Amino acid sequence: MRGAISDLLGLRESDAAGYTKGQGNLSITARELATIGEMVRNDGTYRGHRIVSAAWLRAALAPKVTISGSDPYADGYGYFWYSKVQQIEGKPVPVSFASGNGGNKIYVVPSRHLVVAITSSAYGHGYGQRRSENILRAIIAFAPLQLGADRLPARPLKFGLGAQAARNFTGGPQGGDQWGEMGFVQLKLG
């Protein structure tokens, strides 16, 4: 990701040589995750610049393998991107997402004009995946079903979830104060 792509997206380099591998071991913020998600949601463009081709992105997001039988958090897997149809209030909501260890996620929900970026320090702990999905489901239920362009907020909606809210999502504390582990959730509508 060194060079044009990271420059256009405003991402930091991560290793000593200035390279990021892209498939993992990234050291980026929730805001930077949301930037990647926004580029994906906009078919490969970000701030008017074409980052990757829309055709390549569609191919990357399209499931190549069905994994729902072995992974409770995903239905399919494409090129480093997962897919799942969430059932929210009895309605199917397709979601594409990039998934990192411990619950780090970039969720893209086109039908809700929504990107949700979650950072987590639950590295190596299975509850991080469950917690992130619970957060996503709560946000989708909160987000309007369809937003017209005239109703989109001018800026991203951002919020943090404190320890009590985290307990409400997960049913109780796991591994300490979840505010410290959950970090920051950024909603980007529009």
Protein backbone atom coordinates (compact mmCIF):
# COMPACT_ATOMS: atom_id res chain seq x y z
CA MET A 1 0.00 0.00 0.00
CA ARG A 2 2.99 2.26 -0.17
CA GLY A 3 2.73 5.21 -2.51
CA ALA A 4 -0.30 6.37 -4.47
CA ILE A 5 -3.02 4.40 -2.68
CA SER A 6 -1.88 5.19 0.85
CA ASP A 7 -1.25 8.81 -0.13
CA LEU A 8 -4.71 9.24 -1.65
CA LEU A 9 -6.41 7.58 1.31
CA GLY A 10 -4.19 9.37 3.84
CA LEU A 11 -2.99 6.13 5.46
CA ARG A 12 0.23 5.86 7.44
CA GLU A 13 2.97 3.42 6.57
CA SER A 14 3.53 0.83 9.29
CA ASP A 15 6.76 -1.15 9.10
CA ALA A 16 10.35 0.07 9.44
CA ALA A 17 10.85 -0.05 5.66
CA GLY A 18 7.70 2.01 5.09
CA TYR A 19 5.57 -0.84 3.71
CA THR A 20 2.23 -2.18 4.80
CA LYS A 21 1.32 -5.66 3.75
CA GLY A 22 -2.39 -4.95 3.37
CA GLN A 23 -3.58 -8.40 4.48
CA GLY A 24 -2.77 -7.88 8.13
CA ASN A 25 -0.44 -6.48 10.74
CA LEU A 26 -1.67 -2.98 9.98
CA SER A 27 -1.41 -0.26 12.56
CA ILE A 28 -4.22 2.09 11.57
CA THR A 29 -6.94 3.99 13.39
CA ALA A 30 -10.71 3.53 13.23
CA ARG A 31 -10.86 6.68 11.12
CA GLU A 32 -8.40 5.14 8.64
CA LEU A 33 -10.41 1.91 8.60
CA ALA A 34 -13.50 4.00 7.87
CA THR A 35 -11.64 5.68 5.00
CA ILE A 36 -10.99 2.29 3.41
CA GLY A 37 -14.63 1.36 3.99
CA GLU A 38 -15.83 4.59 2.40
CA MET A 39 -13.67 3.91 -0.65
CA VAL A 40 -15.21 0.42 -0.89
CA ARG A 41 -18.73 1.78 -0.40
CA ASN A 42 -18.12 4.26 -3.24
CA ASP A 43 -17.08 1.56 -5.72
CA GLY A 44 -13.35 2.26 -5.49
CA THR A 45 -13.36 6.05 -5.41
CA TYR A 46 -12.44 8.34 -2.56
CA ARG A 47 -12.78 12.12 -2.60
CA GLY A 48 -13.20 12.09 -6.36
CA HIS A 49 -10.12 9.94 -7.04
CA ARG A 50 -10.31 6.45 -8.49
CA ILE A 51 -8.29 4.23 -6.12
CA VAL A 52 -9.19 0.79 -7.53
CA SER A 53 -11.44 -0.20 -10.40
CA ALA A 54 -15.10 -0.79 -9.62
CA ALA A 55 -14.95 -4.10 -11.50
CA TRP A 56 -12.04 -5.35 -9.38
CA LEU A 57 -13.80 -4.28 -6.21
CA ARG A 58 -17.01 -6.08 -7.21
CA ALA A 59 -14.92 -9.21 -7.83
CA ALA A 60 -13.17 -8.85 -4.46
CA LEU A 61 -16.45 -8.48 -2.58
CA ALA A 62 -18.25 -11.30 -4.38
CA PRO A 63 -18.16 -14.51 -2.31
CA LYS A 64 -15.95 -17.18 -3.87
CA VAL A 65 -16.38 -19.70 -1.07
CA THR A 66 -19.36 -20.43 1.18
CA ILE A 67 -18.17 -20.56 4.79
CA SER A 68 -21.39 -20.24 6.79
CA GLY A 69 -21.16 -23.88 7.86
CA SER A 70 -17.89 -23.27 9.70
CA ASP A 71 -17.98 -19.53 10.51
CA PRO A 72 -20.91 -18.11 12.49
CA TYR A 73 -19.93 -14.54 11.56
CA ALA A 74 -19.81 -14.84 7.75
CA ASP A 75 -21.71 -16.46 4.91
CA GLY A 76 -19.04 -16.14 2.22
CA TYR A 77 -15.46 -15.14 1.50
CA GLY A 78 -14.10 -13.25 -1.53
CA TYR A 79 -10.67 -11.67 -1.96
CA PHE A 80 -9.86 -10.76 1.68
CA TRP A 81 -13.48 -9.59 2.15
CA TYR A 82 -16.29 -11.46 3.86
CA SER A 83 -20.04 -11.23 3.29
CA LYS A 84 -23.02 -11.87 5.49
CA VAL A 85 -26.71 -11.16 5.27
CA GLN A 86 -27.74 -9.85 8.69
CA GLN A 87 -31.37 -10.30 9.68
CA ILE A 88 -32.44 -7.02 11.29
CA GLU A 89 -36.03 -6.75 12.46
CA GLY A 90 -36.96 -9.56 10.08
CA LYS A 91 -35.38 -7.93 7.04
CA PRO A 92 -32.23 -9.06 5.20
CA VAL A 93 -29.38 -6.54 5.22
CA PRO A 94 -26.35 -7.52 3.08
CA VAL A 95 -22.99 -6.59 4.62
CA SER A 96 -19.45 -6.82 3.25
CA PHE A 97 -16.62 -6.66 5.73
CA ALA A 98 -12.91 -6.91 6.31
CA SER A 99 -12.07 -8.74 9.50
CA GLY A 100 -9.09 -8.53 11.79
CA ASN A 101 -8.08 -10.51 14.84
CA GLY A 102 -10.01 -9.76 18.00
CA GLY A 103 -12.90 -7.94 16.35
CA ASN A 104 -11.21 -5.22 14.31
CA LYS A 105 -13.65 -4.63 11.45
CA ILE A 106 -14.57 -2.56 8.45
CA TYR A 107 -18.27 -3.10 7.77
CA VAL A 108 -19.79 -1.75 4.54
CA VAL A 109 -23.60 -1.68 4.38
CA PRO A 110 -24.61 -0.18 1.01
CA SER A 111 -28.37 -0.44 1.60
CA ARG A 112 -28.00 1.85 4.64
CA HIS A 113 -25.34 4.12 3.07
CA LEU A 114 -23.22 3.05 6.01
CA VAL A 115 -19.62 2.31 6.94
CA VAL A 116 -18.82 1.10 10.47
CA ALA A 117 -15.20 0.87 11.56
CA ILE A 118 -14.41 -0.88 14.83
CA THR A 119 -11.03 -1.11 16.51
CA SER A 120 -10.52 -3.62 19.29
CA SER A 121 -7.73 -4.79 21.53
CA ALA A 122 -9.32 -8.21 22.11
CA TYR A 123 -6.47 -9.73 20.09
CA GLY A 124 -6.58 -13.51 20.33
CA HIS A 125 -9.93 -13.54 22.15
CA GLY A 126 -12.97 -15.01 20.41
CA TYR A 127 -15.41 -12.65 22.12
CA GLY A 128 -14.09 -9.75 20.02
CA GLN A 129 -15.74 -11.12 16.88
CA ARG A 130 -19.09 -11.60 18.64
CA ARG A 131 -18.92 -8.16 20.23
CA SER A 132 -18.18 -6.43 16.92
CA GLU A 133 -21.07 -8.19 15.21
CA ASN A 134 -23.40 -7.20 18.07
CA ILE A 135 -22.30 -3.58 17.72
CA LEU A 136 -22.87 -3.71 13.96
CA ARG A 137 -26.35 -5.18 14.39
CA ALA A 138 -27.31 -2.49 16.90
CA ILE A 139 -26.03 0.26 14.60
CA ILE A 140 -27.86 -1.16 11.57
CA ALA A 141 -31.07 -1.31 13.59
CA PHE A 142 -30.52 2.34 14.53
CA ALA A 143 -29.58 3.54 11.01
CA PRO A 144 -32.41 4.63 8.71
CA LEU A 145 -33.46 2.04 6.14
CA GLN A 146 -32.95 4.33 3.19
CA LEU A 147 -31.49 7.80 3.26
CA GLY A 148 -32.08 10.17 0.39
CA ALA A 149 -29.17 12.37 -0.61
CA ASP A 150 -31.02 15.37 0.83
CA ARG A 151 -31.17 13.70 4.28
CA LEU A 152 -27.52 12.69 4.63
CA PRO A 153 -25.58 14.40 7.42
CA ALA A 154 -22.83 16.76 6.29
CA ARG A 155 -20.24 14.99 8.49
CA PRO A 156 -19.71 11.44 9.73
CA LEU A 157 -21.53 10.54 12.91
CA LYS A 158 -19.01 9.45 15.54
CA PHE A 159 -19.52 7.98 18.95
CA GLY A 160 -17.73 5.96 21.56
CA LEU A 161 -19.34 3.28 23.66
CA GLY A 162 -18.61 3.27 27.37
CA ALA A 163 -18.30 0.21 29.56
CA GLN A 164 -22.03 0.06 30.37
CA ALA A 165 -23.01 0.25 26.69
CA ALA A 166 -20.43 -2.44 25.92
CA ARG A 167 -21.99 -4.68 28.59
CA ASN A 168 -25.39 -4.10 26.96
CA PHE A 169 -24.00 -5.30 23.63
CA THR A 170 -22.16 -8.32 24.99
CA GLY A 171 -24.08 -9.32 28.09
CA GLY A 172 -21.29 -8.52 30.53
CA PRO A 173 -17.64 -7.65 30.90
CA GLN A 174 -15.09 -9.98 29.38
CA GLY A 175 -11.46 -9.35 30.03
CA GLY A 176 -11.78 -6.06 31.87
CA ASP A 177 -13.14 -2.65 31.05
CA GLN A 178 -14.53 -2.98 27.56
CA TRP A 179 -14.31 0.71 26.85
CA GLY A 180 -10.55 0.34 26.80
CA GLU A 181 -10.76 -2.70 24.58
CA MET A 182 -13.44 -1.53 22.21
CA GLY A 183 -11.91 1.79 21.33
CA PHE A 184 -13.84 3.93 18.89
CA VAL A 185 -16.73 3.26 16.55
CA GLN A 186 -17.22 5.62 13.63
CA LEU A 187 -20.39 5.74 11.60
CA LYS A 188 -20.06 7.24 8.17
CA LEU A 189 -23.37 7.93 6.50
CA GLY A 190 -23.42 9.32 3.00
